[in-house]
């Protein structure tokens, strides 16, 4: 799957699953634009920004819900040079959506709910990229079981919460501190 996909395992109406998604949105919403350390800068060029906007628009057309829309940063930062797009969180209803399966190369997190770990593993392993696989859990046995079944080149275990994700190495620092408990 694309590197910026979060697979939430379990009942999508479940308390833990909803709390996790809410924390992701809260953490992403707290990221501020800027060109100094600790801030999120603009994307490299207008072509990249247009491509990222296209993924967001295509996701909506495919039936996804935009939970956090970073497109507003362009107008918010209109007096600052750059191609600004803020953190964007998209909740997908279909695992075949384009943003779920292609590298967006921007501050966009695609979220998809799965019922079981087996479903998450199937989605991860069916994707031709398979760059990174990570599990956030409170149970080391679960982490061990999962890591033996995913084919991601980079495998990471975080013993903190309860979700399975595939993250880009440059993005994890923004959400690694999420704690559902």
N, C-alpha and C. Protein backbone atom coordinates (compact mmCIF):
# COMPACT_ATOMS: atom_id res chain seq x y z
N UNK A 1 0.83 -1.17 0.00
CA UNK A 1 0.00 0.00 0.00
C UNK A 1 0.87 1.23 0.00
N UNK A 2 0.26 2.36 -0.25
CA UNK A 2 1.02 3.61 -0.19
C UNK A 2 1.54 3.81 1.22
N UNK A 3 2.61 4.53 1.33
CA UNK A 3 3.26 4.68 2.63
C UNK A 3 2.46 5.50 3.62
N UNK A 4 1.53 6.28 3.18
CA UNK A 4 0.78 7.14 4.10
C UNK A 4 -0.64 6.63 4.33
N UNK A 5 -0.74 5.35 4.67
CA UNK A 5 -2.04 4.72 4.91
C UNK A 5 -2.09 4.20 6.34
N UNK A 6 -3.18 4.47 7.01
CA UNK A 6 -3.43 3.96 8.35
C UNK A 6 -4.59 2.99 8.28
N UNK A 7 -4.33 1.74 8.63
CA UNK A 7 -5.38 0.73 8.71
C UNK A 7 -5.77 0.59 10.17
N UNK A 8 -7.01 0.88 10.49
CA UNK A 8 -7.49 0.74 11.86
C UNK A 8 -8.25 -0.57 11.94
N UNK A 9 -7.78 -1.45 12.83
CA UNK A 9 -8.35 -2.80 12.95
C UNK A 9 -9.43 -2.82 14.02
N UNK A 10 -10.55 -3.46 13.68
CA UNK A 10 -11.65 -3.64 14.63
C UNK A 10 -12.91 -2.95 14.15
N UNK A 11 -13.88 -2.91 15.03
CA UNK A 11 -15.18 -2.30 14.73
C UNK A 11 -15.00 -0.80 14.52
N UNK A 12 -15.33 -0.31 13.32
CA UNK A 12 -15.12 1.11 13.05
C UNK A 12 -15.97 2.02 13.93
N UNK A 13 -16.99 1.45 14.55
CA UNK A 13 -17.81 2.21 15.50
C UNK A 13 -17.34 1.99 16.93
N UNK A 14 -16.26 1.23 17.10
CA UNK A 14 -15.74 0.92 18.42
C UNK A 14 -15.14 2.14 19.11
N UNK A 15 -15.18 2.14 20.41
CA UNK A 15 -14.69 3.25 21.21
C UNK A 15 -13.21 3.52 20.96
N UNK A 16 -12.39 2.47 20.99
CA UNK A 16 -10.95 2.65 20.77
C UNK A 16 -10.65 3.14 19.37
N UNK A 17 -11.33 2.59 18.39
CA UNK A 17 -11.09 2.99 17.00
C UNK A 17 -11.46 4.46 16.78
N UNK A 18 -12.60 4.87 17.32
CA UNK A 18 -13.02 6.26 17.18
C UNK A 18 -12.05 7.19 17.92
N UNK A 19 -11.62 6.77 19.11
CA UNK A 19 -10.69 7.60 19.90
C UNK A 19 -9.37 7.76 19.17
N UNK A 20 -8.89 6.68 18.57
CA UNK A 20 -7.64 6.74 17.83
C UNK A 20 -7.74 7.72 16.67
N UNK A 21 -8.79 7.58 15.88
CA UNK A 21 -8.96 8.46 14.73
C UNK A 21 -9.08 9.92 15.18
N UNK A 22 -9.78 10.16 16.26
CA UNK A 22 -9.90 11.52 16.79
C UNK A 22 -8.55 12.07 17.21
N UNK A 23 -7.71 11.25 17.84
CA UNK A 23 -6.36 11.69 18.26
C UNK A 23 -5.49 11.99 17.04
N UNK A 24 -5.60 11.19 16.01
CA UNK A 24 -4.83 11.45 14.79
C UNK A 24 -5.23 12.82 14.23
N UNK A 25 -6.52 13.09 14.17
CA UNK A 25 -7.00 14.37 13.65
C UNK A 25 -6.53 15.52 14.54
N UNK A 26 -6.62 15.34 15.85
CA UNK A 26 -6.16 16.38 16.79
C UNK A 26 -4.68 16.67 16.60
N UNK A 27 -3.87 15.63 16.53
CA UNK A 27 -2.42 15.82 16.37
C UNK A 27 -2.10 16.49 15.04
N UNK A 28 -2.75 16.03 13.97
CA UNK A 28 -2.50 16.62 12.65
C UNK A 28 -2.97 18.07 12.61
N UNK A 29 -4.09 18.38 13.26
CA UNK A 29 -4.62 19.75 13.30
C UNK A 29 -3.68 20.70 14.03
N UNK A 30 -2.91 20.18 14.95
CA UNK A 30 -2.01 21.02 15.75
C UNK A 30 -0.75 21.42 15.00
N UNK A 31 -0.47 20.76 13.90
CA UNK A 31 0.73 21.10 13.11
C UNK A 31 0.53 22.47 12.48
N UNK A 32 1.52 23.33 12.62
CA UNK A 32 1.43 24.70 12.13
C UNK A 32 2.31 24.89 10.90
N UNK A 33 1.88 25.77 9.99
CA UNK A 33 2.71 26.06 8.81
C UNK A 33 3.87 26.98 9.17
N UNK A 34 4.94 26.84 8.46
CA UNK A 34 6.08 27.73 8.66
C UNK A 34 7.34 27.18 8.05
N UNK A 35 8.34 28.02 7.99
CA UNK A 35 9.62 27.64 7.39
C UNK A 35 10.72 27.57 8.44
N UNK A 36 10.34 27.31 9.67
CA UNK A 36 11.31 27.19 10.76
C UNK A 36 11.17 25.80 11.37
N UNK A 37 12.19 25.35 12.10
CA UNK A 37 12.10 24.04 12.74
C UNK A 37 10.83 23.91 13.60
N UNK A 38 10.22 22.74 13.52
CA UNK A 38 9.01 22.47 14.28
C UNK A 38 7.73 22.81 13.54
N UNK A 39 7.86 23.39 12.36
CA UNK A 39 6.70 23.76 11.54
C UNK A 39 6.73 22.92 10.26
N UNK A 40 5.60 22.85 9.59
CA UNK A 40 5.51 22.12 8.33
C UNK A 40 5.61 23.12 7.19
N UNK A 41 6.62 22.96 6.36
CA UNK A 41 6.85 23.88 5.25
C UNK A 41 6.03 23.55 4.02
N UNK A 42 6.18 24.35 2.99
CA UNK A 42 5.44 24.13 1.74
C UNK A 42 5.99 22.93 0.98
N UNK A 43 5.18 22.43 0.05
CA UNK A 43 5.67 21.36 -0.83
C UNK A 43 6.59 21.99 -1.86
N UNK A 44 7.37 21.18 -2.53
CA UNK A 44 8.50 21.63 -3.33
C UNK A 44 8.14 22.59 -4.48
N UNK A 45 7.01 22.33 -5.16
CA UNK A 45 6.66 23.20 -6.28
C UNK A 45 5.15 23.14 -6.54
N UNK A 46 4.71 24.02 -7.44
CA UNK A 46 3.27 24.11 -7.75
C UNK A 46 2.74 22.82 -8.37
N UNK A 47 3.56 22.16 -9.18
CA UNK A 47 3.14 20.90 -9.79
C UNK A 47 2.85 19.85 -8.71
N UNK A 48 3.70 19.78 -7.70
CA UNK A 48 3.48 18.83 -6.61
C UNK A 48 2.21 19.17 -5.84
N UNK A 49 2.01 20.46 -5.56
CA UNK A 49 0.82 20.88 -4.84
C UNK A 49 -0.44 20.54 -5.63
N UNK A 50 -0.43 20.79 -6.91
CA UNK A 50 -1.58 20.49 -7.76
C UNK A 50 -1.85 18.99 -7.76
N UNK A 51 -0.80 18.19 -7.80
CA UNK A 51 -0.95 16.73 -7.77
C UNK A 51 -1.58 16.28 -6.45
N UNK A 52 -1.12 16.84 -5.33
CA UNK A 52 -1.66 16.49 -4.02
C UNK A 52 -3.13 16.90 -3.93
N UNK A 53 -3.45 18.12 -4.38
CA UNK A 53 -4.85 18.57 -4.40
C UNK A 53 -5.69 17.60 -5.23
N UNK A 54 -5.12 17.11 -6.33
CA UNK A 54 -5.83 16.15 -7.19
C UNK A 54 -6.17 14.86 -6.46
N UNK A 55 -5.25 14.37 -5.65
CA UNK A 55 -5.52 13.16 -4.87
C UNK A 55 -6.67 13.39 -3.89
N UNK A 56 -6.68 14.56 -3.26
CA UNK A 56 -7.74 14.87 -2.31
C UNK A 56 -9.09 14.95 -3.02
N UNK A 57 -9.14 15.66 -4.14
CA UNK A 57 -10.38 15.79 -4.90
C UNK A 57 -10.86 14.44 -5.43
N UNK A 58 -9.93 13.64 -5.93
CA UNK A 58 -10.27 12.31 -6.46
C UNK A 58 -10.82 11.43 -5.33
N UNK A 59 -10.24 11.53 -4.15
CA UNK A 59 -10.72 10.75 -3.01
C UNK A 59 -12.18 11.08 -2.70
N UNK A 60 -12.50 12.37 -2.71
CA UNK A 60 -13.89 12.78 -2.46
C UNK A 60 -14.82 12.21 -3.52
N UNK A 61 -14.40 12.28 -4.78
CA UNK A 61 -15.22 11.74 -5.88
C UNK A 61 -15.40 10.24 -5.75
N UNK A 62 -14.42 9.55 -5.16
CA UNK A 62 -14.49 8.10 -4.98
C UNK A 62 -15.32 7.73 -3.74
N UNK A 63 -15.84 8.73 -3.02
CA UNK A 63 -16.70 8.47 -1.88
C UNK A 63 -16.04 8.60 -0.52
N UNK A 64 -14.78 9.02 -0.47
CA UNK A 64 -14.09 9.18 0.80
C UNK A 64 -14.56 10.46 1.49
N UNK A 65 -14.33 10.52 2.80
CA UNK A 65 -14.67 11.70 3.59
C UNK A 65 -13.39 12.40 4.01
N UNK A 66 -13.32 13.70 3.76
CA UNK A 66 -12.16 14.48 4.17
C UNK A 66 -12.40 14.90 5.62
N UNK A 67 -11.63 14.32 6.54
CA UNK A 67 -11.79 14.61 7.96
C UNK A 67 -11.00 15.85 8.39
N UNK A 68 -9.91 16.11 7.70
CA UNK A 68 -9.10 17.30 7.93
C UNK A 68 -8.57 17.73 6.57
N UNK A 69 -8.89 18.96 6.18
CA UNK A 69 -8.56 19.42 4.83
C UNK A 69 -7.46 20.47 4.88
N UNK A 70 -6.27 20.09 4.46
CA UNK A 70 -5.12 20.99 4.47
C UNK A 70 -5.07 21.95 3.31
N UNK A 71 -6.04 21.88 2.41
CA UNK A 71 -6.04 22.79 1.27
C UNK A 71 -6.22 24.24 1.69
N UNK A 72 -6.77 24.47 2.86
CA UNK A 72 -6.99 25.84 3.34
C UNK A 72 -5.68 26.58 3.63
N UNK A 73 -4.60 25.86 3.79
CA UNK A 73 -3.32 26.50 4.06
C UNK A 73 -2.90 27.42 2.92
N UNK A 74 -3.32 27.12 1.70
CA UNK A 74 -2.91 27.95 0.57
C UNK A 74 -3.41 29.37 0.76
N UNK A 75 -4.67 29.53 1.17
CA UNK A 75 -5.19 30.88 1.39
C UNK A 75 -4.68 31.46 2.71
N UNK A 76 -4.49 30.61 3.71
CA UNK A 76 -3.99 31.05 5.01
C UNK A 76 -2.58 31.63 4.88
N UNK A 77 -1.80 31.08 3.97
CA UNK A 77 -0.41 31.49 3.80
C UNK A 77 -0.19 32.30 2.52
N UNK A 78 -1.24 32.94 2.02
CA UNK A 78 -1.16 33.63 0.73
C UNK A 78 -0.09 34.72 0.68
N UNK A 79 0.28 35.28 1.81
CA UNK A 79 1.31 36.32 1.84
C UNK A 79 2.70 35.76 2.06
N UNK A 80 2.81 34.44 2.08
CA UNK A 80 4.09 33.78 2.29
C UNK A 80 4.42 32.97 1.04
N UNK A 81 5.60 33.16 0.53
CA UNK A 81 6.01 32.45 -0.69
C UNK A 81 6.00 30.94 -0.43
N UNK A 82 5.47 30.20 -1.38
CA UNK A 82 5.50 28.75 -1.28
C UNK A 82 4.19 28.11 -1.72
N UNK A 83 4.24 26.82 -1.82
CA UNK A 83 3.09 26.01 -2.25
C UNK A 83 2.59 25.25 -1.03
N UNK A 84 1.66 25.87 -0.33
CA UNK A 84 1.25 25.43 1.00
C UNK A 84 0.08 24.46 0.96
N UNK A 85 0.26 23.36 1.65
CA UNK A 85 -0.84 22.43 1.89
C UNK A 85 -0.61 21.82 3.28
N UNK A 86 -1.63 21.88 4.09
CA UNK A 86 -1.52 21.39 5.45
C UNK A 86 -1.87 19.92 5.57
N UNK A 87 -1.73 19.39 6.77
CA UNK A 87 -2.07 17.99 7.00
C UNK A 87 -3.52 17.71 6.59
N UNK A 88 -3.69 16.61 5.91
CA UNK A 88 -5.00 16.21 5.42
C UNK A 88 -5.23 14.76 5.84
N UNK A 89 -6.41 14.49 6.37
CA UNK A 89 -6.77 13.13 6.78
C UNK A 89 -8.02 12.74 6.00
N UNK A 90 -7.92 11.62 5.28
CA UNK A 90 -9.01 11.15 4.43
C UNK A 90 -9.48 9.79 4.92
N UNK A 91 -10.77 9.65 5.19
CA UNK A 91 -11.35 8.37 5.59
C UNK A 91 -11.95 7.73 4.34
N UNK A 92 -11.37 6.61 3.94
CA UNK A 92 -11.80 5.92 2.72
C UNK A 92 -12.82 4.83 3.04
N UNK A 93 -13.71 4.63 2.09
CA UNK A 93 -14.69 3.54 2.17
C UNK A 93 -14.32 2.38 1.26
N UNK A 94 -13.33 2.62 0.40
CA UNK A 94 -12.95 1.62 -0.59
C UNK A 94 -11.42 1.46 -0.59
N UNK A 95 -10.95 0.25 -0.40
CA UNK A 95 -9.50 0.02 -0.35
C UNK A 95 -8.83 0.19 -1.71
N UNK A 96 -9.61 0.34 -2.77
CA UNK A 96 -9.02 0.53 -4.10
C UNK A 96 -8.91 2.00 -4.49
N UNK A 97 -9.29 2.91 -3.60
CA UNK A 97 -9.17 4.34 -3.90
C UNK A 97 -7.72 4.67 -4.27
N UNK A 98 -7.57 5.60 -5.19
CA UNK A 98 -6.25 5.94 -5.71
C UNK A 98 -5.28 6.35 -4.59
N UNK A 99 -5.71 7.19 -3.65
CA UNK A 99 -4.81 7.66 -2.59
C UNK A 99 -4.42 6.55 -1.63
N UNK A 100 -5.16 5.46 -1.64
CA UNK A 100 -4.81 4.30 -0.81
C UNK A 100 -3.71 3.46 -1.45
N UNK A 101 -3.53 3.62 -2.74
CA UNK A 101 -2.65 2.71 -3.47
C UNK A 101 -1.50 3.37 -4.22
N UNK A 102 -1.43 4.68 -4.18
CA UNK A 102 -0.35 5.39 -4.84
C UNK A 102 0.34 6.30 -3.83
N UNK A 103 1.59 6.60 -4.07
CA UNK A 103 2.33 7.51 -3.20
C UNK A 103 1.88 8.94 -3.49
N UNK A 104 1.34 9.62 -2.49
CA UNK A 104 0.85 10.98 -2.65
C UNK A 104 2.02 11.98 -2.56
N UNK A 105 3.02 11.68 -1.78
CA UNK A 105 4.18 12.55 -1.56
C UNK A 105 3.76 13.93 -1.07
N UNK A 106 2.91 13.94 -0.06
CA UNK A 106 2.47 15.17 0.57
C UNK A 106 1.90 14.84 1.94
N UNK A 107 1.49 15.85 2.68
CA UNK A 107 1.01 15.64 4.05
C UNK A 107 -0.43 15.11 4.08
N UNK A 108 -0.63 13.96 3.48
CA UNK A 108 -1.96 13.35 3.38
C UNK A 108 -1.91 11.96 4.00
N UNK A 109 -2.82 11.71 4.93
CA UNK A 109 -2.94 10.39 5.55
C UNK A 109 -4.27 9.79 5.13
N UNK A 110 -4.22 8.65 4.47
CA UNK A 110 -5.42 7.91 4.11
C UNK A 110 -5.71 6.92 5.22
N UNK A 111 -6.97 6.86 5.66
CA UNK A 111 -7.39 5.98 6.74
C UNK A 111 -8.43 5.02 6.20
N UNK A 112 -8.28 3.75 6.58
CA UNK A 112 -9.24 2.72 6.14
C UNK A 112 -9.47 1.77 7.30
N UNK A 113 -10.72 1.48 7.57
CA UNK A 113 -11.07 0.56 8.65
C UNK A 113 -11.14 -0.87 8.12
N UNK A 114 -10.55 -1.80 8.86
CA UNK A 114 -10.64 -3.22 8.54
C UNK A 114 -11.17 -3.96 9.76
N UNK A 115 -11.81 -5.07 9.53
CA UNK A 115 -12.40 -5.83 10.64
C UNK A 115 -11.39 -6.68 11.38
N UNK A 116 -10.41 -7.23 10.64
CA UNK A 116 -9.49 -8.18 11.25
C UNK A 116 -8.05 -7.89 10.85
N UNK A 117 -7.14 -8.44 11.64
CA UNK A 117 -5.72 -8.34 11.30
C UNK A 117 -5.44 -9.01 9.96
N UNK A 118 -6.13 -10.11 9.70
CA UNK A 118 -5.91 -10.82 8.44
C UNK A 118 -6.26 -9.93 7.24
N UNK A 119 -7.31 -9.16 7.38
CA UNK A 119 -7.69 -8.23 6.31
C UNK A 119 -6.61 -7.15 6.14
N UNK A 120 -6.09 -6.64 7.25
CA UNK A 120 -5.02 -5.64 7.18
C UNK A 120 -3.78 -6.22 6.50
N UNK A 121 -3.42 -7.43 6.87
CA UNK A 121 -2.26 -8.09 6.27
C UNK A 121 -2.46 -8.30 4.78
N UNK A 122 -3.66 -8.73 4.38
CA UNK A 122 -3.94 -8.95 2.97
C UNK A 122 -3.80 -7.65 2.17
N UNK A 123 -4.32 -6.55 2.71
CA UNK A 123 -4.20 -5.25 2.03
C UNK A 123 -2.74 -4.85 1.92
N UNK A 124 -2.01 -4.97 3.00
CA UNK A 124 -0.58 -4.61 3.00
C UNK A 124 0.21 -5.46 2.01
N UNK A 125 0.01 -6.76 2.06
CA UNK A 125 0.81 -7.66 1.23
C UNK A 125 0.39 -7.68 -0.23
N UNK A 126 -0.82 -7.24 -0.54
CA UNK A 126 -1.28 -7.19 -1.94
C UNK A 126 -0.73 -5.99 -2.69
N UNK A 127 -0.18 -5.03 -1.97
CA UNK A 127 0.32 -3.83 -2.61
C UNK A 127 1.74 -4.04 -3.13
N UNK A 128 2.04 -3.54 -4.34
CA UNK A 128 3.37 -3.76 -4.92
C UNK A 128 4.49 -2.99 -4.23
N UNK A 129 4.18 -1.97 -3.43
CA UNK A 129 5.23 -1.17 -2.80
C UNK A 129 5.82 -1.88 -1.59
N UNK A 130 5.03 -2.12 -0.57
CA UNK A 130 5.50 -2.84 0.62
C UNK A 130 6.71 -2.24 1.28
N UNK A 131 6.78 -0.90 1.34
CA UNK A 131 7.94 -0.23 1.90
C UNK A 131 8.11 -0.43 3.40
N UNK A 132 7.04 -0.22 4.13
CA UNK A 132 7.14 -0.13 5.58
C UNK A 132 5.88 -0.69 6.20
N UNK A 133 6.03 -1.45 7.24
CA UNK A 133 4.89 -1.95 7.99
C UNK A 133 5.18 -1.72 9.46
N UNK A 134 4.18 -1.20 10.16
CA UNK A 134 4.35 -0.93 11.59
C UNK A 134 3.09 -1.33 12.32
N UNK A 135 3.24 -1.72 13.57
CA UNK A 135 2.09 -2.00 14.41
C UNK A 135 2.24 -1.22 15.70
N UNK A 136 1.16 -0.63 16.10
CA UNK A 136 1.07 0.06 17.39
C UNK A 136 0.14 -0.80 18.23
N UNK A 137 0.63 -1.33 19.33
CA UNK A 137 -0.16 -2.22 20.15
C UNK A 137 0.32 -2.19 21.59
N UNK A 138 -0.48 -2.74 22.47
CA UNK A 138 -0.07 -2.90 23.87
C UNK A 138 0.37 -4.33 24.14
N UNK A 139 0.34 -5.17 23.11
CA UNK A 139 0.61 -6.59 23.28
C UNK A 139 1.75 -7.04 22.36
N UNK A 140 2.90 -7.36 22.96
CA UNK A 140 4.05 -7.79 22.18
C UNK A 140 3.79 -9.06 21.38
N UNK A 141 2.96 -9.94 21.90
CA UNK A 141 2.60 -11.17 21.17
C UNK A 141 1.87 -10.85 19.88
N UNK A 142 0.99 -9.86 19.93
CA UNK A 142 0.28 -9.44 18.71
C UNK A 142 1.27 -8.89 17.69
N UNK A 143 2.20 -8.08 18.19
CA UNK A 143 3.20 -7.48 17.31
C UNK A 143 4.03 -8.57 16.62
N UNK A 144 4.48 -9.55 17.40
CA UNK A 144 5.28 -10.64 16.86
C UNK A 144 4.49 -11.42 15.80
N UNK A 145 3.24 -11.73 16.11
CA UNK A 145 2.38 -12.47 15.18
C UNK A 145 2.24 -11.71 13.86
N UNK A 146 1.97 -10.41 13.95
CA UNK A 146 1.76 -9.61 12.75
C UNK A 146 3.04 -9.46 11.94
N UNK A 147 4.14 -9.16 12.60
CA UNK A 147 5.39 -8.91 11.89
C UNK A 147 5.89 -10.13 11.12
N UNK A 148 5.49 -11.31 11.54
CA UNK A 148 5.86 -12.52 10.81
C UNK A 148 5.04 -12.71 9.54
N UNK A 149 4.01 -11.90 9.36
CA UNK A 149 3.09 -12.09 8.25
C UNK A 149 3.08 -10.96 7.22
N UNK A 150 3.67 -9.82 7.53
CA UNK A 150 3.70 -8.72 6.56
C UNK A 150 5.03 -8.75 5.82
N UNK A 151 5.00 -8.24 4.61
CA UNK A 151 6.21 -8.30 3.79
C UNK A 151 6.93 -6.96 3.69
N UNK A 152 6.55 -5.97 4.46
CA UNK A 152 7.21 -4.67 4.43
C UNK A 152 8.71 -4.82 4.65
N UNK A 153 9.49 -4.07 3.93
CA UNK A 153 10.94 -4.12 4.04
C UNK A 153 11.39 -3.60 5.40
N UNK A 154 10.76 -2.52 5.84
CA UNK A 154 11.04 -1.95 7.16
C UNK A 154 9.87 -2.32 8.06
N UNK A 155 10.15 -2.96 9.17
CA UNK A 155 9.09 -3.37 10.09
C UNK A 155 9.36 -2.74 11.45
N UNK A 156 8.34 -2.09 11.98
CA UNK A 156 8.49 -1.37 13.24
C UNK A 156 7.40 -1.78 14.21
N UNK A 157 7.77 -1.94 15.47
CA UNK A 157 6.81 -2.25 16.52
C UNK A 157 6.80 -1.10 17.52
N UNK A 158 5.62 -0.56 17.80
CA UNK A 158 5.42 0.47 18.81
C UNK A 158 4.47 -0.12 19.84
N UNK A 159 4.90 -0.33 21.02
CA UNK A 159 4.05 -0.91 22.06
C UNK A 159 3.36 0.21 22.85
N UNK A 160 2.35 0.84 22.20
CA UNK A 160 1.64 1.94 22.85
C UNK A 160 0.13 1.91 22.69
N UNK A 161 -0.38 1.65 21.49
CA UNK A 161 -1.82 1.75 21.21
C UNK A 161 -2.32 0.53 20.50
N UNK A 162 -3.37 0.68 19.71
CA UNK A 162 -3.98 -0.49 19.07
C UNK A 162 -4.36 -0.21 17.64
N UNK A 163 -3.38 -0.03 16.77
CA UNK A 163 -3.70 0.09 15.35
C UNK A 163 -2.54 -0.39 14.50
N UNK A 164 -2.83 -0.73 13.27
CA UNK A 164 -1.85 -1.19 12.30
C UNK A 164 -1.71 -0.10 11.26
N UNK A 165 -0.49 0.23 10.90
CA UNK A 165 -0.30 1.33 9.96
C UNK A 165 0.88 1.08 9.03
N UNK A 166 0.87 1.76 7.95
CA UNK A 166 2.00 1.82 7.06
C UNK A 166 2.32 3.29 6.90
N UNK A 167 3.47 3.73 7.36
CA UNK A 167 3.79 5.14 7.42
C UNK A 167 5.09 5.47 6.71
N UNK A 168 5.18 6.67 6.14
CA UNK A 168 6.47 7.08 5.60
C UNK A 168 7.41 7.44 6.75
N UNK A 169 8.67 7.22 6.55
CA UNK A 169 9.63 7.48 7.61
C UNK A 169 9.67 8.95 8.02
N UNK A 170 9.36 9.86 7.12
CA UNK A 170 9.40 11.28 7.45
C UNK A 170 8.15 11.76 8.16
N UNK A 171 7.08 10.99 8.15
CA UNK A 171 5.83 11.41 8.75
C UNK A 171 5.65 10.86 10.15
N UNK A 172 6.26 9.74 10.47
CA UNK A 172 5.98 9.09 11.74
C UNK A 172 6.22 10.01 12.93
N UNK A 173 7.18 10.93 12.81
CA UNK A 173 7.51 11.77 13.96
C UNK A 173 6.34 12.66 14.38
N UNK A 174 5.42 12.94 13.47
CA UNK A 174 4.30 13.80 13.81
C UNK A 174 3.20 13.06 14.57
N UNK A 175 3.11 11.74 14.40
CA UNK A 175 2.03 11.03 15.09
C UNK A 175 2.51 9.92 16.00
N UNK A 176 3.82 9.76 16.16
CA UNK A 176 4.31 8.66 16.98
C UNK A 176 3.94 8.82 18.45
N UNK A 177 3.61 10.03 18.85
CA UNK A 177 3.30 10.23 20.27
C UNK A 177 1.82 10.04 20.58
N UNK A 178 1.04 9.61 19.62
CA UNK A 178 -0.38 9.39 19.87
C UNK A 178 -0.56 8.29 20.90
N UNK A 179 -1.36 8.56 21.89
CA UNK A 179 -1.63 7.57 22.93
C UNK A 179 -3.13 7.54 23.17
N UNK A 180 -3.75 6.43 22.86
CA UNK A 180 -5.19 6.30 22.96
C UNK A 180 -5.63 6.14 24.40
N UNK A 181 -4.78 5.57 25.24
CA UNK A 181 -5.16 5.26 26.62
C UNK A 181 -5.51 6.49 27.42
